Amino acid sequence: MRTRLAVAGLLAVGVLLMANPLYLPVPVGEPDPAYTHTVQPVEDGSPVAGIDAPDEGNETADGVVDYADLDPEAQAAFDRALAADGGFGVEDSDERVDSLSYPTGPSLGDGLLVVEYEGERYEFWTRTVEREPGAVVAQRIAVQPVAFLAGFFAVLAAAALGFRGRLDRT
């Protein structure tokens, strides 16, 4: 009787621990946003490849913006992103450029500008990336794998104990 109870207990604990991706990680705190700036040349496969420059005096949000038309802070962010391989990010919302938008899902004119710079066209992406708090990352990296392995070994122990109990009866 004790063996059956131990097997059932080990099996229940093991399955519960192995199912930890269903209930872990537990959200702790608010997401930690970062604000990214990326510049890349407009290429043929780009979603903005066919965008034309607006007519003189008819500047629109979905047209090509001349580098000189950007405000000085936006020009500095463009230059920094162009110089940095893969762009750059800032973590403080006060370090964002006021004239640029930072949506989580950029679209043309809202987080994505086509900038004409020195005769070339560039995609200038600005976006908000919501990162998980450190406690959630620790749960994903340490707690979930350890809990899964503990559950797996509990199920193996339950199987071994159950198999041993059957061998003892025969």
C-alpha atoms as a PDB file:
ATOM      1  CA  MET A   1       0.000   0.000   0.000  1.00  0.00           C
ATOM      2  CA  ARG A   2       2.821   2.377   0.867  1.00  0.00           C
ATOM      3  CA  THR A   3       4.532   1.652  -2.423  1.00  0.00           C
ATOM      4  CA  ARG A   4       1.425   2.529  -4.405  1.00  0.00           C
ATOM      5  CA  LEU A   5       1.003   5.743  -2.432  1.00  0.00           C
ATOM      6  CA  ALA A   6       4.675   6.655  -2.978  1.00  0.00           C
ATOM      7  CA  VAL A   7       4.417   5.905  -6.713  1.00  0.00           C
ATOM      8  CA  ALA A   8       1.256   8.023  -7.028  1.00  0.00           C
ATOM      9  CA  GLY A   9       2.829  10.877  -5.042  1.00  0.00           C
ATOM     10  CA  LEU A  10       6.072  10.828  -7.048  1.00  0.00           C
ATOM     11  CA  LEU A  11       4.119  10.641 -10.289  1.00  0.00           C
ATOM     12  CA  ALA A  12       1.887  13.591  -9.334  1.00  0.00           C
ATOM     13  CA  VAL A  13       4.822  15.734  -8.204  1.00  0.00           C
ATOM     14  CA  GLY A  14       6.818  14.769 -11.290  1.00  0.00           C
ATOM     15  CA  VAL A  15       4.045  15.648 -13.726  1.00  0.00           C
ATOM     16  CA  LEU A  16       3.391  18.929 -11.915  1.00  0.00           C
ATOM     17  CA  LEU A  17       7.071  19.880 -12.064  1.00  0.00           C
ATOM     18  CA  MET A  18       7.393  18.855 -15.701  1.00  0.00           C
ATOM     19  CA  ALA A  19       4.366  20.991 -16.581  1.00  0.00           C
ATOM     20  CA  ASN A  20       6.068  24.101 -15.163  1.00  0.00           C
ATOM     21  CA  PRO A  21       6.068  26.000 -18.496  1.00  0.00           C
ATOM     22  CA  LEU A  22       2.286  26.201 -18.063  1.00  0.00           C
ATOM     23  CA  TYR A  23       2.550  28.224 -14.844  1.00  0.00           C
ATOM     24  CA  LEU A  24       6.092  29.651 -14.877  1.00  0.00           C
ATOM     25  CA  PRO A  25       7.442  32.265 -15.147  1.00  0.00           C
ATOM     26  CA  VAL A  26       5.439  34.267 -12.664  1.00  0.00           C
ATOM     27  CA  PRO A  27       5.352  37.927 -13.737  1.00  0.00           C
ATOM     28  CA  VAL A  28       7.255  40.065 -11.261  1.00  0.00           C
ATOM     29  CA  GLY A  29       6.981  43.792 -11.791  1.00  0.00           C
ATOM     30  CA  GLU A  30       6.464  45.760 -14.960  1.00  0.00           C
ATOM     31  CA  PRO A  31       8.365  45.182 -18.219  1.00  0.00           C
ATOM     32  CA  ASP A  32      11.563  47.182 -18.509  1.00  0.00           C
ATOM     33  CA  PRO A  33      11.414  49.235 -21.736  1.00  0.00           C
ATOM     34  CA  ALA A  34      14.387  50.138 -23.913  1.00  0.00           C
ATOM     35  CA  TYR A  35      14.257  52.529 -26.843  1.00  0.00           C
ATOM     36  CA  THR A  36      16.185  51.458 -29.939  1.00  0.00           C
ATOM     37  CA  HIS A  37      17.443  53.364 -32.976  1.00  0.00           C
ATOM     38  CA  THR A  38      18.501  51.499 -36.126  1.00  0.00           C
ATOM     39  CA  VAL A  39      19.585  52.753 -39.544  1.00  0.00           C
ATOM     40  CA  GLN A  40      19.958  50.532 -42.611  1.00  0.00           C
ATOM     41  CA  PRO A  41      20.071  51.231 -46.341  1.00  0.00           C
ATOM     42  CA  VAL A  42      16.824  50.858 -48.266  1.00  0.00           C
ATOM     43  CA  GLU A  43      17.178  47.715 -50.369  1.00  0.00           C
ATOM     44  CA  ASP A  44      15.026  46.195 -53.117  1.00  0.00           C
ATOM     45  CA  GLY A  45      13.194  43.785 -50.796  1.00  0.00           C
ATOM     46  CA  SER A  46      12.469  46.484 -48.234  1.00  0.00           C
ATOM     47  CA  PRO A  47       8.828  47.395 -47.512  1.00  0.00           C
ATOM     48  CA  VAL A  48       9.731  51.052 -48.122  1.00  0.00           C
ATOM     49  CA  ALA A  49      11.676  50.559 -51.366  1.00  0.00           C
ATOM     50  CA  GLY A  50       9.054  52.218 -53.579  1.00  0.00           C
ATOM     51  CA  ILE A  51       8.452  55.305 -51.439  1.00  0.00           C
ATOM     52  CA  ASP A  52       8.906  58.567 -53.353  1.00  0.00           C
ATOM     53  CA  ALA A  53       9.934  61.975 -52.101  1.00  0.00           C
ATOM     54  CA  PRO A  54       6.999  64.304 -51.450  1.00  0.00           C
ATOM     55  CA  ASP A  55       6.344  67.294 -53.688  1.00  0.00           C
ATOM     56  CA  GLU A  56       8.029  70.561 -52.737  1.00  0.00           C
ATOM     57  CA  GLY A  57       6.247  72.073 -49.732  1.00  0.00           C
ATOM     58  CA  ASN A  58       4.014  69.008 -49.375  1.00  0.00           C
ATOM     59  CA  GLU A  59       5.969  66.988 -46.821  1.00  0.00           C
ATOM     60  CA  THR A  60       4.032  63.942 -45.632  1.00  0.00           C
ATOM     61  CA  ALA A  61       4.742  61.447 -42.884  1.00  0.00           C
ATOM     62  CA  ASP A  62       4.941  58.554 -45.360  1.00  0.00           C
ATOM     63  CA  GLY A  63       7.334  60.197 -47.829  1.00  0.00           C
ATOM     64  CA  VAL A  64      11.100  60.448 -47.932  1.00  0.00           C
ATOM     65  CA  VAL A  65      12.475  62.923 -45.408  1.00  0.00           C
ATOM     66  CA  ASP A  66      15.642  64.818 -46.237  1.00  0.00           C
ATOM     67  CA  TYR A  67      18.350  64.567 -43.575  1.00  0.00           C
ATOM     68  CA  ALA A  68      18.494  68.370 -43.353  1.00  0.00           C
ATOM     69  CA  ASP A  69      14.775  68.453 -42.450  1.00  0.00           C
ATOM     70  CA  LEU A  70      15.354  66.401 -39.295  1.00  0.00           C
ATOM     71  CA  ASP A  71      15.793  68.408 -36.107  1.00  0.00           C
ATOM     72  CA  PRO A  72      19.334  68.435 -34.611  1.00  0.00           C
ATOM     73  CA  GLU A  73      18.541  65.770 -31.977  1.00  0.00           C
ATOM     74  CA  ALA A  74      17.074  63.447 -34.630  1.00  0.00           C
ATOM     75  CA  GLN A  75      20.113  64.066 -36.858  1.00  0.00           C
ATOM     76  CA  ALA A  76      22.415  63.157 -33.948  1.00  0.00           C
ATOM     77  CA  ALA A  77      20.428  59.945 -33.296  1.00  0.00           C
ATOM     78  CA  PHE A  78      20.500  59.100 -37.025  1.00  0.00           C
ATOM     79  CA  ASP A  79      24.284  59.662 -37.182  1.00  0.00           C
ATOM     80  CA  ARG A  80      24.886  57.584 -34.051  1.00  0.00           C
ATOM     81  CA  ALA A  81      22.690  54.726 -35.312  1.00  0.00           C
ATOM     82  CA  LEU A  82      24.361  54.839 -38.732  1.00  0.00           C
ATOM     83  CA  ALA A  83      27.828  54.685 -37.153  1.00  0.00           C
ATOM     84  CA  ALA A  84      26.947  51.869 -34.735  1.00  0.00           C
ATOM     85  CA  ASP A  85      26.704  48.374 -36.160  1.00  0.00           C
ATOM     86  CA  GLY A  86      23.165  47.266 -35.314  1.00  0.00           C
ATOM     87  CA  GLY A  87      22.106  50.666 -33.987  1.00  0.00           C
ATOM     88  CA  PHE A  88      21.946  51.718 -30.381  1.00  0.00           C
ATOM     89  CA  GLY A  89      19.486  51.788 -27.527  1.00  0.00           C
ATOM     90  CA  VAL A  90      18.736  53.965 -24.529  1.00  0.00           C
ATOM     91  CA  GLU A  91      17.022  52.845 -21.348  1.00  0.00           C
ATOM     92  CA  ASP A  92      15.923  56.163 -19.891  1.00  0.00           C
ATOM     93  CA  SER A  93      12.820  57.681 -21.468  1.00  0.00           C
ATOM     94  CA  ASP A  94      14.372  61.132 -21.010  1.00  0.00           C
ATOM     95  CA  GLU A  95      17.127  60.168 -23.482  1.00  0.00           C
ATOM     96  CA  ARG A  96      14.632  59.652 -26.321  1.00  0.00           C
ATOM     97  CA  VAL A  97      14.412  62.192 -29.119  1.00  0.00           C
ATOM     98  CA  ASP A  98      11.220  64.234 -28.682  1.00  0.00           C
ATOM     99  CA  SER A  99      10.565  64.602 -32.417  1.00  0.00           C
ATOM    100  CA  LEU A 100      10.689  60.822 -33.022  1.00  0.00           C
ATOM    101  CA  SER A 101       8.041  58.286 -32.077  1.00  0.00           C
ATOM    102  CA  TYR A 102       8.857  55.005 -30.312  1.00  0.00           C
ATOM    103  CA  PRO A 103       6.003  52.535 -30.928  1.00  0.00           C
ATOM    104  CA  THR A 104       6.287  48.835 -30.099  1.00  0.00           C
ATOM    105  CA  GLY A 105       5.245  47.995 -33.674  1.00  0.00           C
ATOM    106  CA  PRO A 106       6.751  50.568 -36.050  1.00  0.00           C
ATOM    107  CA  SER A 107       5.063  51.433 -39.320  1.00  0.00           C
ATOM    108  CA  LEU A 108       5.889  53.933 -42.015  1.00  0.00           C
ATOM    109  CA  GLY A 109       5.674  57.404 -40.513  1.00  0.00           C
ATOM    110  CA  ASP A 110       5.366  56.031 -36.972  1.00  0.00           C
ATOM    111  CA  GLY A 111       8.711  54.647 -35.866  1.00  0.00           C
ATOM    112  CA  LEU A 112       9.981  54.201 -39.422  1.00  0.00           C
ATOM    113  CA  LEU A 113      11.258  57.064 -41.542  1.00  0.00           C
ATOM    114  CA  VAL A 114      12.883  56.929 -44.959  1.00  0.00           C
ATOM    115  CA  VAL A 115      15.728  59.425 -44.783  1.00  0.00           C
ATOM    116  CA  GLU A 116      17.648  60.738 -47.792  1.00  0.00           C
ATOM    117  CA  TYR A 117      21.259  61.219 -46.678  1.00  0.00           C
ATOM    118  CA  GLU A 118      24.189  62.008 -48.977  1.00  0.00           C
ATOM    119  CA  GLY A 119      22.312  60.749 -52.038  1.00  0.00           C
ATOM    120  CA  GLU A 120      21.325  57.432 -50.415  1.00  0.00           C
ATOM    121  CA  ARG A 121      18.065  56.376 -48.807  1.00  0.00           C
ATOM    122  CA  TYR A 122      18.041  54.821 -45.357  1.00  0.00           C
ATOM    123  CA  GLU A 123      15.399  53.239 -43.152  1.00  0.00           C
ATOM    124  CA  PHE A 124      15.502  54.958 -39.754  1.00  0.00           C
ATOM    125  CA  TRP A 125      13.742  52.709 -37.218  1.00  0.00           C
ATOM    126  CA  THR A 126      12.849  53.845 -33.701  1.00  0.00           C
ATOM    127  CA  ARG A 127      10.932  51.508 -31.421  1.00  0.00           C
ATOM    128  CA  THR A 128      10.183  50.539 -27.855  1.00  0.00           C
ATOM    129  CA  VAL A 129      11.344  47.078 -26.817  1.00  0.00           C
ATOM    130  CA  GLU A 130       9.757  45.773 -23.635  1.00  0.00           C
ATOM    131  CA  ARG A 131      12.213  43.538 -21.824  1.00  0.00           C
ATOM    132  CA  GLU A 132      11.238  41.150 -19.084  1.00  0.00           C
ATOM    133  CA  PRO A 133      12.307  41.949 -15.514  1.00  0.00           C
ATOM    134  CA  GLY A 134      15.411  40.170 -14.209  1.00  0.00           C
ATOM    135  CA  ALA A 135      13.399  37.891 -11.916  1.00  0.00           C
ATOM    136  CA  VAL A 136      11.411  36.548 -14.871  1.00  0.00           C
ATOM    137  CA  VAL A 137      14.590  35.965 -16.869  1.00  0.00           C
ATOM    138  CA  ALA A 138      16.086  34.085 -13.897  1.00  0.00           C
ATOM    139  CA  GLN A 139      12.969  31.926 -13.739  1.00  0.00           C
ATOM    140  CA  ARG A 140      13.274  31.084 -17.433  1.00  0.00           C
ATOM    141  CA  ILE A 141      16.992  30.328 -17.246  1.00  0.00           C
ATOM    142  CA  ALA A 142      17.283  28.556 -13.891  1.00  0.00           C
ATOM    143  CA  VAL A 143      13.987  27.630 -12.256  1.00  0.00           C
ATOM    144  CA  GLN A 144      12.142  26.183 -15.261  1.00  0.00           C
ATOM    145  CA  PRO A 145      14.903  23.787 -16.407  1.00  0.00           C
ATOM    146  CA  VAL A 146      15.686  22.647 -12.841  1.00  0.00           C
ATOM    147  CA  ALA A 147      12.004  22.089 -12.070  1.00  0.00           C
ATOM    148  CA  PHE A 148      11.542  20.144 -15.305  1.00  0.00           C
ATOM    149  CA  LEU A 149      14.543  17.916 -14.566  1.00  0.00           C
ATOM    150  CA  ALA A 150      13.376  17.328 -10.982  1.00  0.00           C
ATOM    151  CA  GLY A 151       9.959  16.356 -12.337  1.00  0.00           C
ATOM    152  CA  PHE A 152      11.512  14.040 -14.899  1.00  0.00           C
ATOM    153  CA  PHE A 153      13.571  12.291 -12.218  1.00  0.00           C
ATOM    154  CA  ALA A 154      10.489  12.045  -9.967  1.00  0.00           C
ATOM    155  CA  VAL A 155       8.574  10.312 -12.782  1.00  0.00           C
ATOM    156  CA  LEU A 156      11.543   7.973 -13.348  1.00  0.00           C
ATOM    157  CA  ALA A 157      11.681   7.229  -9.620  1.00  0.00           C
ATOM    158  CA  ALA A 158       7.951   6.510  -9.605  1.00  0.00           C
ATOM    159  CA  ALA A 159       8.353   4.127 -12.547  1.00  0.00           C
ATOM    160  CA  ALA A 160      11.323   2.399 -10.927  1.00  0.00           C
ATOM    161  CA  LEU A 161       9.525   2.097  -7.593  1.00  0.00           C
ATOM    162  CA  GLY A 162       6.407   0.740  -9.277  1.00  0.00           C
ATOM    163  CA  PHE A 163       8.421  -1.726 -11.343  1.00  0.00           C
ATOM    164  CA  ARG A 164      10.367  -2.861  -8.269  1.00  0.00           C
ATOM    165  CA  GLY A 165       7.099  -3.392  -6.375  1.00  0.00           C
ATOM    166  CA  ARG A 166       5.813  -5.648  -9.150  1.00  0.00           C
ATOM    167  CA  LEU A 167       9.043  -7.649  -9.197  1.00  0.00           C
ATOM    168  CA  ASP A 168       8.853  -8.171  -5.412  1.00  0.00           C
ATOM    169  CA  ARG A 169       5.314  -9.589  -5.737  1.00  0.00           C
ATOM    170  CA  THR A 170       6.339 -12.228  -8.269  1.00  0.00           C
END
